[in-house]
Amino acid sequence: MISNAPFMPADPSERFAMIFRALQRSVADNGYRLKIHGPLLVLIWNYLSRQIARFAKIAAKPPQTPRTRKPAERKPTTKPALTLPRGFAWLIRLLPNGPAAPIVAGANARLELQHFME
């Protein structure tokens, strides 16, 4: 039986990166249709890029026993004008699921990510 499914690497960090890059492409390609503003698209793109790098770093060297650290002094910062959405599954709610899902490539990446996390 021939499968048309794309190749998924066995390495978890490569697989994670592939899924998140598909999410990036989906949000970027369909941002206008989904009525996502340009600055928010940039924030989402950068957030997903940071998650790819973070997962790769953790996968390369798993965290060791926690060390006690001195609390860092934080300077008061001004709140940025635009922030990412918050709450559980905000990116999943952003990408459509249902009759419009075949149009959006992110729906497939969404399912792959849910399967990967299980």
Protein backbone atom coordinates (compact mmCIF):
# COMPACT_ATOMS: atom_id res chain seq x y z
CA MET A 1 0.00 0.00 0.00
CA ILE A 2 1.40 3.39 -0.97
CA SER A 3 0.96 6.22 1.48
CA ASN A 4 0.80 9.87 0.53
CA ALA A 5 1.61 10.95 4.07
CA PRO A 6 4.67 13.19 4.40
CA PHE A 7 7.84 11.79 5.93
CA MET A 8 8.00 12.30 9.69
CA PRO A 9 11.46 12.00 11.21
CA ALA A 10 12.00 9.68 14.15
CA ASP A 11 14.02 12.27 16.08
CA PRO A 12 11.60 14.09 18.42
CA SER A 13 13.22 17.51 18.03
CA GLU A 14 13.15 17.28 14.21
CA ARG A 15 9.55 16.11 14.29
CA PHE A 16 8.59 18.93 16.66
CA ALA A 17 10.35 21.46 14.42
CA MET A 18 8.59 20.12 11.32
CA ILE A 19 5.18 20.39 12.98
CA PHE A 20 5.82 23.91 14.26
CA ARG A 21 7.16 25.08 10.90
CA ALA A 22 3.93 23.83 9.33
CA LEU A 23 2.01 25.85 11.93
CA GLN A 24 4.13 28.90 11.08
CA ARG A 25 3.43 28.50 7.37
CA SER A 26 -0.27 28.03 8.01
CA VAL A 27 -0.61 31.11 10.16
CA ALA A 28 1.46 33.18 7.72
CA ASP A 29 -0.33 31.92 4.59
CA ASN A 30 -3.83 32.20 6.01
CA GLY A 31 -3.42 35.16 8.34
CA TYR A 32 -5.35 37.56 6.14
CA ARG A 33 -8.21 35.12 5.55
CA LEU A 34 -8.36 34.38 9.27
CA LYS A 35 -8.37 38.17 9.93
CA ILE A 36 -5.16 38.12 11.97
CA HIS A 37 -3.42 41.50 11.98
CA GLY A 38 0.15 41.77 10.64
CA PRO A 39 1.90 42.65 13.95
CA LEU A 40 0.16 39.71 15.65
CA LEU A 41 1.33 37.40 12.85
CA VAL A 42 4.92 38.48 13.54
CA LEU A 43 4.49 37.82 17.27
CA ILE A 44 3.05 34.36 16.59
CA TRP A 45 5.83 33.54 14.09
CA ASN A 46 8.52 34.58 16.58
CA TYR A 47 6.83 32.69 19.41
CA LEU A 48 6.73 29.48 17.37
CA SER A 49 10.41 29.96 16.37
CA ARG A 50 11.38 30.33 20.03
CA GLN A 51 9.46 27.15 20.92
CA ILE A 52 11.34 25.21 18.23
CA ALA A 53 14.69 26.40 19.60
CA ARG A 54 13.60 25.76 23.20
CA PHE A 55 12.51 22.18 22.47
CA ALA A 56 15.73 21.46 20.57
CA LYS A 57 17.80 22.77 23.48
CA ILE A 58 15.90 20.65 26.01
CA ALA A 59 16.06 17.56 23.78
CA ALA A 60 19.82 17.98 23.32
CA LYS A 61 20.50 18.20 27.04
CA PRO A 62 17.65 17.28 29.41
CA PRO A 63 17.38 19.45 32.51
CA GLN A 64 19.29 18.30 35.55
CA THR A 65 18.29 18.59 39.17
CA PRO A 66 17.02 22.08 39.92
CA ARG A 67 19.42 24.51 41.52
CA THR A 68 18.43 27.19 43.91
CA ARG A 69 18.88 30.60 42.43
CA LYS A 70 18.82 34.02 43.90
CA PRO A 71 15.78 35.95 42.82
CA ALA A 72 16.75 38.31 40.04
CA GLU A 73 16.02 41.96 40.49
CA ARG A 74 13.61 43.04 37.82
CA LYS A 75 13.25 46.52 36.55
CA PRO A 76 9.73 47.74 35.96
CA THR A 77 8.94 47.47 32.29
CA THR A 78 6.25 49.06 30.24
CA LYS A 79 3.67 46.71 28.86
CA PRO A 80 3.93 46.26 25.08
CA ALA A 81 1.06 47.57 23.00
CA LEU A 82 0.37 44.18 21.41
CA THR A 83 0.73 40.80 23.10
CA LEU A 84 -0.01 37.22 22.15
CA PRO A 85 -3.36 35.75 23.12
CA ARG A 86 -3.42 33.97 26.44
CA GLY A 87 -5.27 31.01 27.78
CA PHE A 88 -5.42 27.32 27.14
CA ALA A 89 -5.09 26.24 23.49
CA TRP A 90 -5.10 29.78 22.05
CA LEU A 91 -3.30 28.69 18.89
CA ILE A 92 -5.68 25.77 18.35
CA ARG A 93 -8.65 28.13 18.63
CA LEU A 94 -6.97 30.47 16.16
CA LEU A 95 -6.76 27.79 13.46
CA PRO A 96 -10.11 26.59 12.15
CA ASN A 97 -11.27 23.02 12.52
CA GLY A 98 -14.24 21.61 10.69
CA PRO A 99 -15.50 22.26 7.14
CA ALA A 100 -12.86 24.96 6.50
CA ALA A 101 -10.02 22.83 7.90
CA PRO A 102 -8.95 21.22 4.57
CA ILE A 103 -8.24 24.72 3.25
CA VAL A 104 -5.89 25.49 6.12
CA ALA A 105 -2.72 23.42 6.21
CA GLY A 106 -2.43 24.17 9.93
CA ALA A 107 -5.31 21.85 10.72
CA ASN A 108 -3.11 18.89 9.77
CA ALA A 109 -0.21 20.29 11.80
CA ARG A 110 -2.58 20.79 14.69
CA LEU A 111 -3.54 17.11 14.64
CA GLU A 112 0.09 16.06 14.31
CA LEU A 113 1.04 18.19 17.31
CA GLN A 114 -1.76 16.73 19.42
CA HIS A 115 -0.66 13.20 18.43
CA PHE A 116 3.00 14.05 19.13
CA MET A 117 2.18 15.41 22.60
CA GLU A 118 0.16 12.30 23.50
